[in-house]
Structures are given as C-alpha cells and as structure tokens.
Protein backbone atom coordinates (compact mmCIF):
# COMPACT_ATOMS: atom_id res chain seq x y z
CA UNK A 1 142.03 215.22 184.42
CA UNK A 2 142.38 211.69 183.12
CA UNK A 3 145.70 212.46 181.65
CA UNK A 4 146.86 213.89 185.00
CA UNK A 5 145.85 210.77 186.87
CA UNK A 6 147.57 208.62 184.26
CA UNK A 7 150.86 210.54 184.77
CA UNK A 8 150.66 210.33 188.54
CA UNK A 9 150.00 206.55 188.29
CA UNK A 10 152.89 206.19 185.85
CA UNK A 11 155.18 207.99 188.24
CA UNK A 12 154.05 206.06 191.18
CA UNK A 13 154.68 202.84 189.39
CA UNK A 14 158.20 203.87 188.42
CA UNK A 15 158.82 204.73 192.05
CA UNK A 16 157.30 201.47 193.22
CA UNK A 17 159.35 199.24 190.98
CA UNK A 18 162.55 201.29 191.49
CA UNK A 19 162.89 199.44 194.81
CA UNK A 20 163.64 196.43 192.69
CA UNK A 21 167.04 197.71 191.81
CA UNK A 22 169.84 195.54 192.98
CA UNK A 23 172.36 196.64 195.41
CA UNK A 24 175.44 195.02 193.83
CA UNK A 25 178.66 196.05 195.61
CA UNK A 26 176.75 197.01 198.80
CA UNK A 27 177.46 195.29 202.18
CA UNK A 28 174.88 193.24 203.96
CA UNK A 29 174.80 195.85 206.66
CA UNK A 30 173.93 198.63 204.16
CA UNK A 31 171.16 196.40 202.45
CA UNK A 32 169.73 195.47 205.85
CA UNK A 33 169.70 199.15 207.02
CA UNK A 34 168.13 200.37 203.74
CA UNK A 35 165.31 197.77 203.66
CA UNK A 36 164.81 197.50 207.50
CA UNK A 37 161.13 198.16 207.11
CA UNK A 38 160.85 194.75 205.33
CA UNK A 39 162.75 192.86 208.10
CA UNK A 40 165.50 191.29 205.94
CA UNK A 41 166.58 187.75 207.05
CA UNK A 42 169.82 186.11 206.55
CA UNK A 43 169.96 182.58 205.25
CA UNK A 44 172.21 180.14 203.59
CA UNK A 45 171.79 177.26 201.08
CA UNK A 46 174.39 175.02 199.45
CA UNK A 47 173.64 176.35 196.01
CA UNK A 48 173.43 180.10 196.80
CA UNK A 49 175.65 180.33 199.85
CA UNK A 50 174.97 183.22 202.12
CA UNK A 51 172.20 185.68 201.21
CA UNK A 52 169.71 188.19 202.54
CA UNK A 53 165.99 187.55 201.90
CA UNK A 54 163.85 190.64 201.61
CA UNK A 55 160.05 190.17 201.09
CA UNK A 56 158.85 193.42 199.55
CA UNK A 57 155.37 194.40 198.49
CA UNK A 58 155.77 193.31 194.83
CA UNK A 59 158.58 190.74 194.90
CA UNK A 60 161.02 188.58 196.95
CA UNK A 61 164.59 189.79 196.59
CA UNK A 62 167.62 187.70 197.35
CA UNK A 63 170.90 189.48 197.81
CA UNK A 64 173.81 186.86 197.46
CA UNK A 65 176.68 187.69 199.55
CA UNK A 66 180.36 186.89 198.94
CA UNK A 67 183.02 186.02 201.56
CA UNK A 68 183.42 189.73 202.26
CA UNK A 69 179.66 190.01 202.97
CA UNK A 70 179.27 192.18 199.75
CA UNK A 71 176.35 191.64 197.31
CA UNK A 72 177.57 190.18 194.14
CA UNK A 73 174.31 188.71 192.63
CA UNK A 74 170.71 189.71 193.22
CA UNK A 75 167.72 187.69 192.42
CA UNK A 76 164.22 189.53 192.14
CA UNK A 77 161.21 187.20 192.10
CA UNK A 78 158.00 189.07 191.14
CA UNK A 79 155.01 188.07 193.22
CA UNK A 80 152.70 187.96 190.07
CA UNK A 81 152.65 188.42 186.27
CA UNK A 82 151.51 192.02 186.78
CA UNK A 83 154.48 192.88 188.79
CA UNK A 84 156.73 191.07 186.40
CA UNK A 85 155.43 193.12 183.47
CA UNK A 86 155.76 196.27 185.52
CA UNK A 87 159.40 195.60 186.27
CA UNK A 88 160.11 194.80 182.57
CA UNK A 89 158.44 198.14 181.50
CA UNK A 90 160.46 199.98 184.12
CA UNK A 91 163.79 198.27 182.97
CA UNK A 92 162.96 199.07 179.33
CA UNK A 93 162.54 202.65 180.18
CA UNK A 94 165.73 202.93 182.51
CA UNK A 95 168.34 200.65 181.19
CA UNK A 96 170.00 199.69 177.85
CA UNK A 97 167.96 196.80 176.19
CA UNK A 98 170.19 194.09 175.00
CA UNK A 99 167.44 191.62 174.15
CA UNK A 100 163.86 190.72 175.22
CA UNK A 101 165.35 189.08 178.24
CA UNK A 102 168.47 191.15 179.07
CA UNK A 103 169.34 194.74 179.95
CA UNK A 104 172.58 196.56 180.81
CA UNK A 105 172.87 199.18 183.61
CA UNK A 106 175.66 201.73 183.53
CA UNK A 107 176.91 203.33 186.74
CA UNK A 108 180.05 205.37 186.02
CA UNK A 109 182.53 202.96 184.67
CA UNK A 110 180.82 199.89 186.03
CA UNK A 111 178.31 197.90 184.19
CA UNK A 112 175.91 195.20 185.37
CA UNK A 113 173.67 192.82 183.55
CA UNK A 114 170.11 191.89 184.25
CA UNK A 115 168.72 188.76 182.81
CA UNK A 116 165.00 187.68 182.95
CA UNK A 117 165.10 183.94 183.50
CA UNK A 118 162.69 181.12 184.28
CA UNK A 119 162.84 178.01 186.48
CA UNK A 120 161.80 174.52 185.25
CA UNK A 121 158.57 175.15 187.12
CA UNK A 122 158.04 178.30 185.02
CA UNK A 123 158.78 180.80 187.81
CA UNK A 124 160.13 184.00 186.25
CA UNK A 125 162.85 185.98 188.06
CA UNK A 126 165.42 188.63 187.35
CA UNK A 127 169.15 187.99 187.96
CA UNK A 128 171.36 191.00 188.36
CA UNK A 129 175.19 190.56 188.24
CA UNK A 130 178.57 192.05 187.20
CA UNK A 131 180.09 190.60 183.97
CA UNK A 132 183.12 188.52 184.61
C-alpha cells in the first residue's frame, strides 16, 4: 500500500511540475489561452521588454516576448526551496543533464537550454532559451 501511495505521489509531482515547461516559440495568445486559469498579465520593463507574467501554484513564470509576440526566453521562479528541488528532480528525469545547473531539451531538431541561476539576493530561478 505504501509503495502504491509513493508511486501515485511521484506521478502527481511530475504532472504538477510539468506545467513549468517553457513555451518557447509559442505566441502570447497561445500561452494566454493555455494558462487562462492563472490569469496571465502582460507587462514590460526596460530590461526584459514585453513579457507575460503567470503566477502558478508553485512558481511565477515570465514568458519574454519578441517583436513578433513569440516567446523566446522563459524564466521560472519557484515559490520556495521545496518547489525548486522538485523542478530540479523533474528536469533530471526528463532532460539531458549537462551539469548541476544546466539541462538540454530536445524537441525534434530543436534544442533548448535550461539554466538554474541565482540573483545577487540569492533568488533561484530557471532560464529556458534557444542557443544562438
């Protein structure tokens, strides 16, 4: 019974953290529609430019938009250390591990990178992007 509960909880956590996958190459409209239950908001800063802000149950996600309104960078900012570690565990299971702080995600002939970074204030976040 305990084993069955552990398996169910493990599958639920993978489903839960799967929402953290970036939507690189998707339009703002597609992202807004997909995550409408989280009430995405559009904003702009000098540093990021235009982006969509989506406050999910486990993280804040920023979808940075290019001139064509297509997401080309995604930042995922976990709400706490438990969610950070859950996302890392999920990435370790789903993507190619490049280092302790970097993964690669292959989708057909496209590859994107995921970096775990930290601000000067020690706020950890993930950055998804296409290599140049």
